[in-house]
Amino acid sequence: MATTLPPIVARYFRAEAACDVEALAACFTPEGRLVDEARTIEGPEAIASWMRTVMSKHHPYQVELLESSEKDGGVVIVRGRVSRHAPNSPVEMNHKFQVVHGKIARLEIR
């Protein structure tokens, strides 16, 4: 992907690729929220727990970053192709980040 991501978004995807749950959770503000599969997870500790569950169910998986765009107000949208060992794989998903003061305040994965 040719587009340069904001540092915290790039750090999130590096942590995810490395299966580094603690580094991924550290990308979020203390009140950070992650929305995935119509479920909202709040706070870095809960996000780390969520990520451990995701990895235990779906690992190994890979996210290929396809494109990104930045909007006003710190919104960054990244489209990625998620590949894993599953019948419906790969699937394209959007990651909508709300970045505040260099941290992720909210992430919606659809």
PDB file of N, CA and C in Angstrom:
ATOM      1  N   MET A   1       0.853  -1.166   0.000  1.00  0.00           N
ATOM      2  CA  MET A   1       0.000   0.000   0.000  1.00  0.00           C
ATOM      3  C   MET A   1       0.900   1.230   0.000  1.00  0.00           C
ATOM      4  N   ALA A   2       0.672   2.137  -0.919  1.00  0.00           N
ATOM      5  CA  ALA A   2       1.532   3.292  -1.088  1.00  0.00           C
ATOM      6  C   ALA A   2       1.247   4.395  -0.072  1.00  0.00           C
ATOM      7  N   THR A   3       0.037   4.453   0.461  1.00  0.00           N
ATOM      8  CA  THR A   3      -0.347   5.523   1.368  1.00  0.00           C
ATOM      9  C   THR A   3       0.358   5.367   2.705  1.00  0.00           C
ATOM     10  N   THR A   4       0.822   6.483   3.246  1.00  0.00           N
ATOM     11  CA  THR A   4       1.457   6.476   4.557  1.00  0.00           C
ATOM     12  C   THR A   4       0.381   6.586   5.627  1.00  0.00           C
ATOM     13  N   LEU A   5       0.426   5.697   6.577  1.00  0.00           N
ATOM     14  CA  LEU A   5      -0.537   5.699   7.677  1.00  0.00           C
ATOM     15  C   LEU A   5      -0.033   6.583   8.812  1.00  0.00           C
ATOM     16  N   PRO A   6      -0.947   7.167   9.590  1.00  0.00           N
ATOM     17  CA  PRO A   6      -0.518   7.850  10.806  1.00  0.00           C
ATOM     18  C   PRO A   6       0.253   6.862  11.685  1.00  0.00           C
ATOM     19  N   PRO A   7       1.256   7.334  12.422  1.00  0.00           N
ATOM     20  CA  PRO A   7       2.110   6.408  13.189  1.00  0.00           C
ATOM     21  C   PRO A   7       1.342   5.446  14.090  1.00  0.00           C
ATOM     22  N   ILE A   8       0.308   5.895  14.787  1.00  0.00           N
ATOM     23  CA  ILE A   8      -0.399   5.007  15.706  1.00  0.00           C
ATOM     24  C   ILE A   8      -1.181   3.927  14.961  1.00  0.00           C
ATOM     25  N   VAL A   9      -1.685   4.242  13.776  1.00  0.00           N
ATOM     26  CA  VAL A   9      -2.409   3.246  12.975  1.00  0.00           C
ATOM     27  C   VAL A   9      -1.429   2.210  12.434  1.00  0.00           C
ATOM     28  N   ALA A  10      -0.285   2.678  11.961  1.00  0.00           N
ATOM     29  CA  ALA A  10       0.750   1.749  11.497  1.00  0.00           C
ATOM     30  C   ALA A  10       1.215   0.855  12.647  1.00  0.00           C
ATOM     31  N   ARG A  11       1.360   1.433  13.846  1.00  0.00           N
ATOM     32  CA  ARG A  11       1.777   0.655  15.022  1.00  0.00           C
ATOM     33  C   ARG A  11       0.728  -0.411  15.362  1.00  0.00           C
ATOM     34  N   TYR A  12      -0.558  -0.064  15.259  1.00  0.00           N
ATOM     35  CA  TYR A  12      -1.637  -1.027  15.515  1.00  0.00           C
ATOM     36  C   TYR A  12      -1.498  -2.235  14.579  1.00  0.00           C
ATOM     37  N   PHE A  13      -1.342  -1.978  13.273  1.00  0.00           N
ATOM     38  CA  PHE A  13      -1.253  -3.083  12.319  1.00  0.00           C
ATOM     39  C   PHE A  13       0.036  -3.897  12.499  1.00  0.00           C
ATOM     40  N   ARG A  14       1.138  -3.256  12.879  1.00  0.00           N
ATOM     41  CA  ARG A  14       2.374  -4.005  13.164  1.00  0.00           C
ATOM     42  C   ARG A  14       2.173  -4.911  14.374  1.00  0.00           C
ATOM     43  N   ALA A  15       1.545  -4.387  15.413  1.00  0.00           N
ATOM     44  CA  ALA A  15       1.300  -5.193  16.625  1.00  0.00           C
ATOM     45  C   ALA A  15       0.376  -6.358  16.318  1.00  0.00           C
ATOM     46  N   GLU A  16      -0.642  -6.110  15.501  1.00  0.00           N
ATOM     47  CA  GLU A  16      -1.562  -7.188  15.137  1.00  0.00           C
ATOM     48  C   GLU A  16      -0.826  -8.275  14.347  1.00  0.00           C
ATOM     49  N   ALA A  17      -0.014  -7.871  13.377  1.00  0.00           N
ATOM     50  CA  ALA A  17       0.730  -8.843  12.566  1.00  0.00           C
ATOM     51  C   ALA A  17       1.701  -9.659  13.413  1.00  0.00           C
ATOM     52  N   ALA A  18       2.253  -9.038  14.449  1.00  0.00           N
ATOM     53  CA  ALA A  18       3.214  -9.719  15.321  1.00  0.00           C
ATOM     54  C   ALA A  18       2.529 -10.496  16.443  1.00  0.00           C
ATOM     55  N   CYS A  19       1.194 -10.435  16.494  1.00  0.00           N
ATOM     56  CA  CYS A  19       0.426 -11.075  17.575  1.00  0.00           C
ATOM     57  C   CYS A  19       0.851 -10.552  18.940  1.00  0.00           C
ATOM     58  N   ASP A  20       1.216  -9.267  18.982  1.00  0.00           N
ATOM     59  CA  ASP A  20       1.656  -8.632  20.219  1.00  0.00           C
ATOM     60  C   ASP A  20       0.460  -7.916  20.854  1.00  0.00           C
ATOM     61  N   VAL A  21      -0.258  -8.641  21.667  1.00  0.00           N
ATOM     62  CA  VAL A  21      -1.498  -8.154  22.267  1.00  0.00           C
ATOM     63  C   VAL A  21      -1.256  -6.918  23.122  1.00  0.00           C
ATOM     64  N   GLU A  22      -0.206  -6.912  23.895  1.00  0.00           N
ATOM     65  CA  GLU A  22       0.073  -5.772  24.776  1.00  0.00           C
ATOM     66  C   GLU A  22       0.400  -4.518  23.963  1.00  0.00           C
ATOM     67  N   ALA A  23       1.194  -4.660  22.919  1.00  0.00           N
ATOM     68  CA  ALA A  23       1.524  -3.504  22.072  1.00  0.00           C
ATOM     69  C   ALA A  23       0.282  -2.986  21.357  1.00  0.00           C
ATOM     70  N   LEU A  24      -0.580  -3.889  20.926  1.00  0.00           N
ATOM     71  CA  LEU A  24      -1.824  -3.489  20.264  1.00  0.00           C
ATOM     72  C   LEU A  24      -2.702  -2.707  21.239  1.00  0.00           C
ATOM     73  N   ALA A  25      -2.899  -3.207  22.438  1.00  0.00           N
ATOM     74  CA  ALA A  25      -3.738  -2.530  23.433  1.00  0.00           C
ATOM     75  C   ALA A  25      -3.162  -1.168  23.811  1.00  0.00           C
ATOM     76  N   ALA A  26      -1.844  -1.042  23.800  1.00  0.00           N
ATOM     77  CA  ALA A  26      -1.192   0.226  24.150  1.00  0.00           C
ATOM     78  C   ALA A  26      -1.428   1.312  23.102  1.00  0.00           C
ATOM     79  N   CYS A  27      -1.949   0.948  21.962  1.00  0.00           N
ATOM     80  CA  CYS A  27      -2.259   1.929  20.914  1.00  0.00           C
ATOM     81  C   CYS A  27      -3.498   2.757  21.266  1.00  0.00           C
ATOM     82  N   PHE A  28      -4.290   2.292  22.211  1.00  0.00           N
ATOM     83  CA  PHE A  28      -5.570   2.920  22.534  1.00  0.00           C
ATOM     84  C   PHE A  28      -5.445   3.885  23.708  1.00  0.00           C
ATOM     85  N   THR A  29      -6.334   4.890  23.708  1.00  0.00           N
ATOM     86  CA  THR A  29      -6.448   5.780  24.860  1.00  0.00           C
ATOM     87  C   THR A  29      -7.004   4.977  26.035  1.00  0.00           C
ATOM     88  N   PRO A  30      -6.880   5.505  27.264  1.00  0.00           N
ATOM     89  CA  PRO A  30      -7.439   4.781  28.416  1.00  0.00           C
ATOM     90  C   PRO A  30      -8.937   4.493  28.290  1.00  0.00           C
ATOM     91  N   GLU A  31      -9.656   5.360  27.566  1.00  0.00           N
ATOM     92  CA  GLU A  31     -11.089   5.138  27.368  1.00  0.00           C
ATOM     93  C   GLU A  31     -11.378   4.583  25.978  1.00  0.00           C
ATOM     94  N   GLY A  32     -10.351   4.101  25.292  1.00  0.00           N
ATOM     95  CA  GLY A  32     -10.495   3.627  23.915  1.00  0.00           C
ATOM     96  C   GLY A  32     -11.567   2.560  23.751  1.00  0.00           C
ATOM     97  N   ARG A  33     -12.202   2.603  22.595  1.00  0.00           N
ATOM     98  CA  ARG A  33     -13.263   1.631  22.286  1.00  0.00           C
ATOM     99  C   ARG A  33     -12.960   0.946  20.969  1.00  0.00           C
ATOM    100  N   LEU A  34     -13.291  -0.329  20.918  1.00  0.00           N
ATOM    101  CA  LEU A  34     -13.169  -1.114  19.698  1.00  0.00           C
ATOM    102  C   LEU A  34     -14.520  -1.759  19.437  1.00  0.00           C
ATOM    103  N   VAL A  35     -15.035  -1.588  18.222  1.00  0.00           N
ATOM    104  CA  VAL A  35     -16.319  -2.171  17.848  1.00  0.00           C
ATOM    105  C   VAL A  35     -16.047  -3.218  16.779  1.00  0.00           C
ATOM    106  N   ASP A  36     -16.439  -4.469  17.049  1.00  0.00           N
ATOM    107  CA  ASP A  36     -16.239  -5.576  16.116  1.00  0.00           C
ATOM    108  C   ASP A  36     -17.408  -6.533  16.280  1.00  0.00           C
ATOM    109  N   GLU A  37     -17.984  -6.951  15.158  1.00  0.00           N
ATOM    110  CA  GLU A  37     -19.111  -7.886  15.170  1.00  0.00           C
ATOM    111  C   GLU A  37     -20.222  -7.399  16.106  1.00  0.00           C
ATOM    112  N   ALA A  38     -20.555  -6.102  16.000  1.00  0.00           N
ATOM    113  CA  ALA A  38     -21.638  -5.474  16.776  1.00  0.00           C
ATOM    114  C   ALA A  38     -21.398  -5.523  18.289  1.00  0.00           C
ATOM    115  N   ARG A  39     -20.174  -5.695  18.691  1.00  0.00           N
ATOM    116  CA  ARG A  39     -19.819  -5.727  20.107  1.00  0.00           C
ATOM    117  C   ARG A  39     -18.837  -4.603  20.376  1.00  0.00           C
ATOM    118  N   THR A  40     -19.032  -3.868  21.464  1.00  0.00           N
ATOM    119  CA  THR A  40     -18.135  -2.775  21.832  1.00  0.00           C
ATOM    120  C   THR A  40     -17.278  -3.209  23.010  1.00  0.00           C
ATOM    121  N   ILE A  41     -15.968  -3.074  22.838  1.00  0.00           N
ATOM    122  CA  ILE A  41     -15.011  -3.419  23.877  1.00  0.00           C
ATOM    123  C   ILE A  41     -14.385  -2.105  24.330  1.00  0.00           C
ATOM    124  N   GLU A  42     -14.341  -1.863  25.641  1.00  0.00           N
ATOM    125  CA  GLU A  42     -13.868  -0.584  26.163  1.00  0.00           C
ATOM    126  C   GLU A  42     -12.645  -0.744  27.047  1.00  0.00           C
ATOM    127  N   GLY A  43     -11.630   0.072  26.765  1.00  0.00           N
ATOM    128  CA  GLY A  43     -10.420   0.111  27.570  1.00  0.00           C
ATOM    129  C   GLY A  43      -9.355  -0.856  27.082  1.00  0.00           C
ATOM    130  N   PRO A  44      -8.088  -0.473  27.231  1.00  0.00           N
ATOM    131  CA  PRO A  44      -6.983  -1.304  26.748  1.00  0.00           C
ATOM    132  C   PRO A  44      -6.957  -2.730  27.301  1.00  0.00           C
ATOM    133  N   GLU A  45      -7.286  -2.921  28.581  1.00  0.00           N
ATOM    134  CA  GLU A  45      -7.256  -4.280  29.144  1.00  0.00           C
ATOM    135  C   GLU A  45      -8.306  -5.169  28.481  1.00  0.00           C
ATOM    136  N   ALA A  46      -9.509  -4.635  28.288  1.00  0.00           N
ATOM    137  CA  ALA A  46     -10.574  -5.406  27.639  1.00  0.00           C
ATOM    138  C   ALA A  46     -10.236  -5.651  26.172  1.00  0.00           C
ATOM    139  N   ILE A  47      -9.602  -4.674  25.535  1.00  0.00           N
ATOM    140  CA  ILE A  47      -9.204  -4.835  24.136  1.00  0.00           C
ATOM    141  C   ILE A  47      -8.138  -5.926  24.017  1.00  0.00           C
ATOM    142  N   ALA A  48      -7.190  -5.969  24.948  1.00  0.00           N
ATOM    143  CA  ALA A  48      -6.172  -7.030  24.945  1.00  0.00           C
ATOM    144  C   ALA A  48      -6.829  -8.394  25.114  1.00  0.00           C
ATOM    145  N   SER A  49      -7.792  -8.487  26.014  1.00  0.00           N
ATOM    146  CA  SER A  49      -8.508  -9.751  26.214  1.00  0.00           C
ATOM    147  C   SER A  49      -9.249 -10.160  24.944  1.00  0.00           C
ATOM    148  N   TRP A  50      -9.915  -9.206  24.304  1.00  0.00           N
ATOM    149  CA  TRP A  50     -10.627  -9.462  23.043  1.00  0.00           C
ATOM    150  C   TRP A  50      -9.646  -9.998  21.998  1.00  0.00           C
ATOM    151  N   MET A  51      -8.472  -9.356  21.894  1.00  0.00           N
ATOM    152  CA  MET A  51      -7.495  -9.756  20.885  1.00  0.00           C
ATOM    153  C   MET A  51      -6.977 -11.166  21.150  1.00  0.00           C
ATOM    154  N   ARG A  52      -6.771 -11.515  22.401  1.00  0.00           N
ATOM    155  CA  ARG A  52      -6.353 -12.887  22.723  1.00  0.00           C
ATOM    156  C   ARG A  52      -7.394 -13.891  22.242  1.00  0.00           C
ATOM    157  N   THR A  53      -8.671 -13.568  22.438  1.00  0.00           N
ATOM    158  CA  THR A  53      -9.758 -14.437  21.984  1.00  0.00           C
ATOM    159  C   THR A  53      -9.770 -14.545  20.468  1.00  0.00           C
ATOM    160  N   VAL A  54      -9.641 -13.414  19.780  1.00  0.00           N
ATOM    161  CA  VAL A  54      -9.612 -13.411  18.311  1.00  0.00           C
ATOM    162  C   VAL A  54      -8.463 -14.280  17.813  1.00  0.00           C
ATOM    163  N   MET A  55      -7.288 -14.105  18.395  1.00  0.00           N
ATOM    164  CA  MET A  55      -6.125 -14.879  17.957  1.00  0.00           C
ATOM    165  C   MET A  55      -6.306 -16.359  18.222  1.00  0.00           C
ATOM    166  N   SER A  56      -6.921 -16.710  19.343  1.00  0.00           N
ATOM    167  CA  SER A  56      -7.102 -18.134  19.644  1.00  0.00           C
ATOM    168  C   SER A  56      -8.105 -18.777  18.688  1.00  0.00           C
ATOM    169  N   LYS A  57      -9.074 -18.008  18.212  1.00  0.00           N
ATOM    170  CA  LYS A  57     -10.084 -18.547  17.296  1.00  0.00           C
ATOM    171  C   LYS A  57      -9.621 -18.544  15.838  1.00  0.00           C
ATOM    172  N   HIS A  58      -8.927 -17.511  15.432  1.00  0.00           N
ATOM    173  CA  HIS A  58      -8.684 -17.288  14.008  1.00  0.00           C
ATOM    174  C   HIS A  58      -7.225 -17.334  13.583  1.00  0.00           C
ATOM    175  N   HIS A  59      -6.306 -17.478  14.515  1.00  0.00           N
ATOM    176  CA  HIS A  59      -4.887 -17.472  14.150  1.00  0.00           C
ATOM    177  C   HIS A  59      -4.518 -18.765  13.451  1.00  0.00           C
ATOM    178  N   PRO A  60      -3.729 -18.790  12.449  1.00  0.00           N
ATOM    179  CA  PRO A  60      -3.085 -17.614  11.883  1.00  0.00           C
ATOM    180  C   PRO A  60      -4.001 -16.893  10.896  1.00  0.00           C
ATOM    181  N   TYR A  61      -3.878 -15.595  10.882  1.00  0.00           N
ATOM    182  CA  TYR A  61      -4.561 -14.793   9.878  1.00  0.00           C
ATOM    183  C   TYR A  61      -3.641 -13.641   9.501  1.00  0.00           C
ATOM    184  N   GLN A  62      -3.942 -13.034   8.386  1.00  0.00           N
ATOM    185  CA  GLN A  62      -3.102 -11.968   7.878  1.00  0.00           C
ATOM    186  C   GLN A  62      -4.004 -10.868   7.335  1.00  0.00           C
ATOM    187  N   VAL A  63      -3.614  -9.611   7.574  1.00  0.00           N
ATOM    188  CA  VAL A  63      -4.334  -8.472   7.023  1.00  0.00           C
ATOM    189  C   VAL A  63      -3.435  -7.792   6.012  1.00  0.00           C
ATOM    190  N   GLU A  64      -3.865  -7.808   4.760  1.00  0.00           N
ATOM    191  CA  GLU A  64      -3.148  -7.101   3.702  1.00  0.00           C
ATOM    192  C   GLU A  64      -3.807  -5.731   3.547  1.00  0.00           C
ATOM    193  N   LEU A  65      -3.045  -4.675   3.804  1.00  0.00           N
ATOM    194  CA  LEU A  65      -3.582  -3.323   3.709  1.00  0.00           C
ATOM    195  C   LEU A  65      -3.704  -2.931   2.247  1.00  0.00           C
ATOM    196  N   LEU A  66      -4.911  -2.551   1.839  1.00  0.00           N
ATOM    197  CA  LEU A  66      -5.178  -2.254   0.434  1.00  0.00           C
ATOM    198  C   LEU A  66      -5.193  -0.763   0.139  1.00  0.00           C
ATOM    199  N   GLU A  67      -5.853   0.016   0.970  1.00  0.00           N
ATOM    200  CA  GLU A  67      -5.898   1.463   0.763  1.00  0.00           C
ATOM    201  C   GLU A  67      -6.316   2.145   2.052  1.00  0.00           C
ATOM    202  N   SER A  68      -6.005   3.429   2.122  1.00  0.00           N
ATOM    203  CA  SER A  68      -6.416   4.191   3.294  1.00  0.00           C
ATOM    204  C   SER A  68      -6.762   5.605   2.877  1.00  0.00           C
ATOM    205  N   SER A  69      -7.562   6.241   3.719  1.00  0.00           N
ATOM    206  CA  SER A  69      -7.895   7.646   3.505  1.00  0.00           C
ATOM    207  C   SER A  69      -8.033   8.306   4.859  1.00  0.00           C
ATOM    208  N   GLU A  70      -7.708   9.593   4.895  1.00  0.00           N
ATOM    209  CA  GLU A  70      -7.837  10.361   6.122  1.00  0.00           C
ATOM    210  C   GLU A  70      -8.919  11.400   5.936  1.00  0.00           C
ATOM    211  N   LYS A  71      -9.740  11.564   6.946  1.00  0.00           N
ATOM    212  CA  LYS A  71     -10.823  12.538   6.950  1.00  0.00           C
ATOM    213  C   LYS A  71     -10.515  13.581   8.018  1.00  0.00           C
ATOM    214  N   ASP A  72     -11.269  14.661   8.006  1.00  0.00           N
ATOM    215  CA  ASP A  72     -11.129  15.668   9.050  1.00  0.00           C
ATOM    216  C   ASP A  72     -11.452  15.060  10.406  1.00  0.00           C
ATOM    217  N   GLY A  73     -10.870  15.628  11.425  1.00  0.00           N
ATOM    218  CA  GLY A  73     -11.183  15.186  12.779  1.00  0.00           C
ATOM    219  C   GLY A  73     -10.453  13.945  13.223  1.00  0.00           C
ATOM    220  N   GLY A  74      -9.363  13.585  12.567  1.00  0.00           N
ATOM    221  CA  GLY A  74      -8.576  12.438  12.998  1.00  0.00           C
ATOM    222  C   GLY A  74      -9.133  11.086  12.610  1.00  0.00           C
ATOM    223  N   VAL A  75     -10.030  11.048  11.619  1.00  0.00           N
ATOM    224  CA  VAL A  75     -10.603   9.778  11.171  1.00  0.00           C
ATOM    225  C   VAL A  75      -9.734   9.196  10.053  1.00  0.00           C
ATOM    226  N   VAL A  76      -9.352   7.944  10.214  1.00  0.00           N
ATOM    227  CA  VAL A  76      -8.553   7.236   9.217  1.00  0.00           C
ATOM    228  C   VAL A  76      -9.291   5.945   8.884  1.00  0.00           C
ATOM    229  N   ILE A  77      -9.536   5.727   7.596  1.00  0.00           N
ATOM    230  CA  ILE A  77     -10.214   4.506   7.164  1.00  0.00           C
ATOM    231  C   ILE A  77      -9.228   3.673   6.363  1.00  0.00           C
ATOM    232  N   VAL A  78      -9.048   2.434   6.779  1.00  0.00           N
ATOM    233  CA  VAL A  78      -8.126   1.515   6.113  1.00  0.00           C
ATOM    234  C   VAL A  78      -8.927   0.303   5.652  1.00  0.00           C
ATOM    235  N   ARG A  79      -8.834   0.018   4.358  1.00  0.00           N
ATOM    236  CA  ARG A  79      -9.464  -1.191   3.817  1.00  0.00           C
ATOM    237  C   ARG A  79      -8.387  -2.261   3.738  1.00  0.00           C
ATOM    238  N   GLY A  80      -8.720  -3.437   4.258  1.00  0.00           N
ATOM    239  CA  GLY A  80      -7.757  -4.528   4.260  1.00  0.00           C
ATOM    240  C   GLY A  80      -8.392  -5.840   3.860  1.00  0.00           C
ATOM    241  N   ARG A  81      -7.580  -6.728   3.320  1.00  0.00           N
ATOM    242  CA  ARG A  81      -8.025  -8.076   2.964  1.00  0.00           C
ATOM    243  C   ARG A  81      -7.536  -9.016   4.056  1.00  0.00           C
ATOM    244  N   VAL A  82      -8.488  -9.628   4.754  1.00  0.00           N
ATOM    245  CA  VAL A  82      -8.180 -10.525   5.861  1.00  0.00           C
ATOM    246  C   VAL A  82      -8.223 -11.957   5.341  1.00  0.00           C
ATOM    247  N   SER A  83      -7.104 -12.645   5.475  1.00  0.00           N
ATOM    248  CA  SER A  83      -6.996 -14.037   5.022  1.00  0.00           C
ATOM    249  C   SER A  83      -6.749 -14.935   6.221  1.00  0.00           C
ATOM    250  N   ARG A  84      -7.497 -16.021   6.269  1.00  0.00           N
ATOM    251  CA  ARG A  84      -7.322 -17.014   7.330  1.00  0.00           C
ATOM    252  C   ARG A  84      -7.821 -18.353   6.809  1.00  0.00           C
ATOM    253  N   HIS A  85      -7.656 -19.382   7.614  1.00  0.00           N
ATOM    254  CA  HIS A  85      -8.132 -20.707   7.243  1.00  0.00           C
ATOM    255  C   HIS A  85      -9.612 -20.804   7.590  1.00  0.00           C
ATOM    256  N   ALA A  86     -10.457 -20.333   6.662  1.00  0.00           N
ATOM    257  CA  ALA A  86     -11.907 -20.366   6.868  1.00  0.00           C
ATOM    258  C   ALA A  86     -12.580 -20.403   5.504  1.00  0.00           C
ATOM    259  N   PRO A  87     -13.782 -20.937   5.431  1.00  0.00           N
ATOM    260  CA  PRO A  87     -14.473 -21.066   4.144  1.00  0.00           C
ATOM    261  C   PRO A  87     -14.694 -19.738   3.416  1.00  0.00           C
ATOM    262  N   ASN A  88     -14.947 -18.661   4.139  1.00  0.00           N
ATOM    263  CA  ASN A  88     -15.240 -17.386   3.485  1.00  0.00           C
ATOM    264  C   ASN A  88     -14.007 -16.503   3.306  1.00  0.00           C
ATOM    265  N   SER A  89     -12.836 -17.061   3.406  1.00  0.00           N
ATOM    266  CA  SER A  89     -11.598 -16.297   3.332  1.00  0.00           C
ATOM    267  C   SER A  89     -11.080 -16.241   1.894  1.00  0.00           C
ATOM    268  N   PRO A  90     -10.490 -15.125   1.492  1.00  0.00           N
ATOM    269  CA  PRO A  90     -10.324 -13.874   2.226  1.00  0.00           C
ATOM    270  C   PRO A  90     -11.585 -13.008   2.159  1.00  0.00           C
ATOM    271  N   VAL A  91     -11.613 -12.043   3.059  1.00  0.00           N
ATOM    272  CA  VAL A  91     -12.722 -11.094   3.096  1.00  0.00           C
ATOM    273  C   VAL A  91     -12.128  -9.690   3.262  1.00  0.00           C
ATOM    274  N   GLU A  92     -12.730  -8.720   2.596  1.00  0.00           N
ATOM    275  CA  GLU A  92     -12.268  -7.344   2.741  1.00  0.00           C
ATOM    276  C   GLU A  92     -13.039  -6.674   3.862  1.00  0.00           C
ATOM    277  N   MET A  93     -12.305  -5.950   4.703  1.00  0.00           N
ATOM    278  CA  MET A  93     -12.905  -5.283   5.853  1.00  0.00           C
ATOM    279  C   MET A  93     -12.380  -3.856   5.938  1.00  0.00           C
ATOM    280  N   ASN A  94     -13.215  -2.975   6.461  1.00  0.00           N
ATOM    281  CA  ASN A  94     -12.804  -1.608   6.727  1.00  0.00           C
ATOM    282  C   ASN A  94     -12.493  -1.455   8.201  1.00  0.00           C
ATOM    283  N   HIS A  95     -11.418  -0.740   8.478  1.00  0.00           N
ATOM    284  CA  HIS A  95     -11.024  -0.390   9.838  1.00  0.00           C
ATOM    285  C   HIS A  95     -11.135   1.126   9.912  1.00  0.00           C
ATOM    286  N   LYS A  96     -12.061   1.625  10.714  1.00  0.00           N
ATOM    287  CA  LYS A  96     -12.269   3.060  10.850  1.00  0.00           C
ATOM    288  C   LYS A  96     -11.716   3.502  12.201  1.00  0.00           C
ATOM    289  N   PHE A  97     -10.609   4.230  12.151  1.00  0.00           N
ATOM    290  CA  PHE A  97      -9.918   4.691  13.348  1.00  0.00           C
ATOM    291  C   PHE A  97     -10.294   6.136  13.644  1.00  0.00           C
ATOM    292  N   GLN A  98     -10.497   6.444  14.912  1.00  0.00           N
ATOM    293  CA  GLN A  98     -10.609   7.825  15.380  1.00  0.00           C
ATOM    294  C   GLN A  98      -9.366   8.066  16.222  1.00  0.00           C
ATOM    295  N   VAL A  99      -8.478   8.917  15.743  1.00  0.00           N
ATOM    296  CA  VAL A  99      -7.210   9.178  16.418  1.00  0.00           C
ATOM    297  C   VAL A  99      -7.311  10.506  17.169  1.00  0.00           C
ATOM    298  N   VAL A 100      -6.962  10.468  18.448  1.00  0.00           N
ATOM    299  CA  VAL A 100      -6.993  11.661  19.298  1.00  0.00           C
ATOM    300  C   VAL A 100      -5.666  11.737  20.047  1.00  0.00           C
ATOM    301  N   HIS A 101      -4.963  12.836  19.883  1.00  0.00           N
ATOM    302  CA  HIS A 101      -3.683  13.062  20.565  1.00  0.00           C
ATOM    303  C   HIS A 101      -2.719  11.892  20.381  1.00  0.00           C
ATOM    304  N   GLY A 102      -2.655  11.359  19.169  1.00  0.00           N
ATOM    305  CA  GLY A 102      -1.687  10.316  18.853  1.00  0.00           C
ATOM    306  C   GLY A 102      -2.037   8.916  19.327  1.00  0.00           C
ATOM    307  N   LYS A 103      -3.253   8.715  19.813  1.00  0.00           N
ATOM    308  CA  LYS A 103      -3.705   7.388  20.247  1.00  0.00           C
ATOM    309  C   LYS A 103      -5.042   7.081  19.582  1.00  0.00           C
ATOM    310  N   ILE A 104      -5.420   5.818  19.581  1.00  0.00           N
ATOM    311  CA  ILE A 104      -6.703   5.405  19.010  1.00  0.00           C
ATOM    312  C   ILE A 104      -7.773   5.549  20.088  1.00  0.00           C
ATOM    313  N   ALA A 105      -8.750   6.416  19.801  1.00  0.00           N
ATOM    314  CA  ALA A 105      -9.864   6.603  20.725  1.00  0.00           C
ATOM    315  C   ALA A 105     -11.001   5.637  20.391  1.00  0.00           C
ATOM    316  N   ARG A 106     -11.108   5.290  19.113  1.00  0.00           N
ATOM    317  CA  ARG A 106     -12.184   4.387  18.690  1.00  0.00           C
ATOM    318  C   ARG A 106     -11.741   3.685  17.411  1.00  0.00           C
ATOM    319  N   LEU A 107     -12.069   2.409  17.317  1.00  0.00           N
ATOM    320  CA  LEU A 107     -11.828   1.618  16.113  1.00  0.00           C
ATOM    321  C   LEU A 107     -13.066   0.784  15.836  1.00  0.00           C
ATOM    322  N   GLU A 108     -13.585   0.940  14.629  1.00  0.00           N
ATOM    323  CA  GLU A 108     -14.711   0.108  14.176  1.00  0.00           C
ATOM    324  C   GLU A 108     -14.202  -0.788  13.062  1.00  0.00           C
ATOM    325  N   ILE A 109     -14.440  -2.082  13.186  1.00  0.00           N
ATOM    326  CA  ILE A 109     -14.036  -3.044  12.172  1.00  0.00           C
ATOM    327  C   ILE A 109     -15.295  -3.611  11.557  1.00  0.00           C
ATOM    328  N   ARG A 110     -15.413  -3.454  10.229  1.00  0.00           N
ATOM    329  CA  ARG A 110     -16.601  -3.951   9.517  1.00  0.00           C
ATOM    330  C   ARG A 110     -16.201  -4.677   8.264  1.00  0.00           C
TER     331      ARG A 110
END
